[in-house]
């Protein structure tokens, strides 16, 4: 028998799953990318704080594309 409790229980599960998929997972990926950019920029002699801010603030991973482009240009300069 379908009750109100079962409907709300399924709805809460769906909301939690969507929250996990669309908010928590991308945020966790962004945190790992920012940590990697910081370590890599320090190793390459670039200004790590500026690159972390660029990667963190510019949306949709455009910042990481900019960093990778600059990183490969700085590698070819050496």
C-alpha atoms as a PDB file:
ATOM      1  CA  UNK A   1       0.000   0.000   0.000  1.00  0.00           C
ATOM      2  CA  UNK A   2       1.322   3.431  -0.965  1.00  0.00           C
ATOM      3  CA  UNK A   3       1.307   5.857   1.903  1.00  0.00           C
ATOM      4  CA  UNK A   4       2.261   9.485   2.304  1.00  0.00           C
ATOM      5  CA  UNK A   5       5.350   8.407   4.256  1.00  0.00           C
ATOM      6  CA  UNK A   6       6.593   6.272   1.371  1.00  0.00           C
ATOM      7  CA  UNK A   7       6.084   9.103  -1.114  1.00  0.00           C
ATOM      8  CA  UNK A   8       8.003  11.566   1.066  1.00  0.00           C
ATOM      9  CA  UNK A   9      10.691   8.995   1.782  1.00  0.00           C
ATOM     10  CA  UNK A  10      11.261   8.463  -1.924  1.00  0.00           C
ATOM     11  CA  UNK A  11      11.183  12.204  -2.554  1.00  0.00           C
ATOM     12  CA  UNK A  12      13.803  12.851   0.135  1.00  0.00           C
ATOM     13  CA  UNK A  13      15.989  10.130  -1.351  1.00  0.00           C
ATOM     14  CA  UNK A  14      15.678  11.684  -4.808  1.00  0.00           C
ATOM     15  CA  UNK A  15      16.473  15.170  -3.491  1.00  0.00           C
ATOM     16  CA  UNK A  16      19.514  13.817  -1.655  1.00  0.00           C
ATOM     17  CA  UNK A  17      20.708  11.967  -4.748  1.00  0.00           C
ATOM     18  CA  UNK A  18      20.316  15.042  -6.950  1.00  0.00           C
ATOM     19  CA  UNK A  19      22.120  17.151  -4.357  1.00  0.00           C
ATOM     20  CA  UNK A  20      24.975  14.675  -4.355  1.00  0.00           C
ATOM     21  CA  UNK A  21      25.205  14.505  -8.132  1.00  0.00           C
ATOM     22  CA  UNK A  22      24.868  18.188  -8.984  1.00  0.00           C
ATOM     23  CA  UNK A  23      26.457  19.968  -6.009  1.00  0.00           C
ATOM     24  CA  UNK A  24      28.724  17.839  -3.876  1.00  0.00           C
ATOM     25  CA  UNK A  25      30.526  15.828  -6.564  1.00  0.00           C
ATOM     26  CA  UNK A  26      31.447  18.829  -8.775  1.00  0.00           C
ATOM     27  CA  UNK A  27      32.537  20.785  -5.697  1.00  0.00           C
ATOM     28  CA  UNK A  28      34.773  17.906  -4.574  1.00  0.00           C
ATOM     29  CA  UNK A  29      36.280  17.657  -8.057  1.00  0.00           C
ATOM     30  CA  UNK A  30      36.942  21.404  -8.028  1.00  0.00           C
ATOM     31  CA  UNK A  31      38.687  21.151  -4.650  1.00  0.00           C
ATOM     32  CA  UNK A  32      40.974  18.374  -5.911  1.00  0.00           C
ATOM     33  CA  UNK A  33      41.737  20.346  -9.085  1.00  0.00           C
ATOM     34  CA  UNK A  34      42.587  23.462  -7.061  1.00  0.00           C
ATOM     35  CA  UNK A  35      44.940  21.449  -4.830  1.00  0.00           C
ATOM     36  CA  UNK A  36      46.638  19.996  -7.905  1.00  0.00           C
ATOM     37  CA  UNK A  37      46.965  23.444  -9.537  1.00  0.00           C
ATOM     38  CA  UNK A  38      48.523  24.865  -6.385  1.00  0.00           C
ATOM     39  CA  UNK A  39      51.120  22.102  -6.132  1.00  0.00           C
ATOM     40  CA  UNK A  40      51.873  22.121  -9.848  1.00  0.00           C
ATOM     41  CA  UNK A  41      52.168  25.918 -10.066  1.00  0.00           C
ATOM     42  CA  UNK A  42      54.610  25.992  -7.152  1.00  0.00           C
ATOM     43  CA  UNK A  43      56.665  23.244  -8.792  1.00  0.00           C
ATOM     44  CA  UNK A  44      56.719  25.132 -12.117  1.00  0.00           C
ATOM     45  CA  UNK A  45      57.655  28.439 -10.440  1.00  0.00           C
ATOM     46  CA  UNK A  46      54.374  30.156 -11.289  1.00  0.00           C
ATOM     47  CA  UNK A  47      52.366  32.320  -8.897  1.00  0.00           C
ATOM     48  CA  UNK A  48      50.354  29.564  -7.222  1.00  0.00           C
ATOM     49  CA  UNK A  49      47.917  31.781  -5.306  1.00  0.00           C
ATOM     50  CA  UNK A  50      46.883  33.713  -8.409  1.00  0.00           C
ATOM     51  CA  UNK A  51      46.322  30.525 -10.389  1.00  0.00           C
ATOM     52  CA  UNK A  52      44.315  28.961  -7.564  1.00  0.00           C
ATOM     53  CA  UNK A  53      42.070  32.029  -7.466  1.00  0.00           C
ATOM     54  CA  UNK A  54      41.653  31.964 -11.243  1.00  0.00           C
ATOM     55  CA  UNK A  55      40.769  28.270 -11.264  1.00  0.00           C
ATOM     56  CA  UNK A  56      38.416  28.665  -8.279  1.00  0.00           C
ATOM     57  CA  UNK A  57      36.574  31.795  -9.435  1.00  0.00           C
ATOM     58  CA  UNK A  58      36.194  31.315 -13.189  1.00  0.00           C
ATOM     59  CA  UNK A  59      33.277  28.893 -13.713  1.00  0.00           C
ATOM     60  CA  UNK A  60      32.846  25.726 -15.715  1.00  0.00           C
ATOM     61  CA  UNK A  61      36.507  24.710 -15.539  1.00  0.00           C
ATOM     62  CA  UNK A  62      37.542  27.502 -17.912  1.00  0.00           C
ATOM     63  CA  UNK A  63      40.164  28.468 -15.309  1.00  0.00           C
ATOM     64  CA  UNK A  64      41.799  25.047 -15.496  1.00  0.00           C
ATOM     65  CA  UNK A  65      41.908  25.309 -19.293  1.00  0.00           C
ATOM     66  CA  UNK A  66      43.610  28.703 -18.969  1.00  0.00           C
ATOM     67  CA  UNK A  67      46.077  27.240 -16.461  1.00  0.00           C
ATOM     68  CA  UNK A  68      46.880  24.272 -18.678  1.00  0.00           C
ATOM     69  CA  UNK A  69      47.432  26.607 -21.633  1.00  0.00           C
ATOM     70  CA  UNK A  70      49.765  28.839 -19.627  1.00  0.00           C
ATOM     71  CA  UNK A  71      51.497  25.832 -18.094  1.00  0.00           C
ATOM     72  CA  UNK A  72      52.365  24.345 -21.460  1.00  0.00           C
ATOM     73  CA  UNK A  73      53.630  27.727 -22.712  1.00  0.00           C
ATOM     74  CA  UNK A  74      55.840  28.115 -19.631  1.00  0.00           C
ATOM     75  CA  UNK A  75      57.199  24.570 -20.176  1.00  0.00           C
ATOM     76  CA  UNK A  76      58.172  25.413 -23.755  1.00  0.00           C
ATOM     77  CA  UNK A  77      59.920  28.609 -22.603  1.00  0.00           C
ATOM     78  CA  UNK A  78      62.375  26.622 -20.453  1.00  0.00           C
END
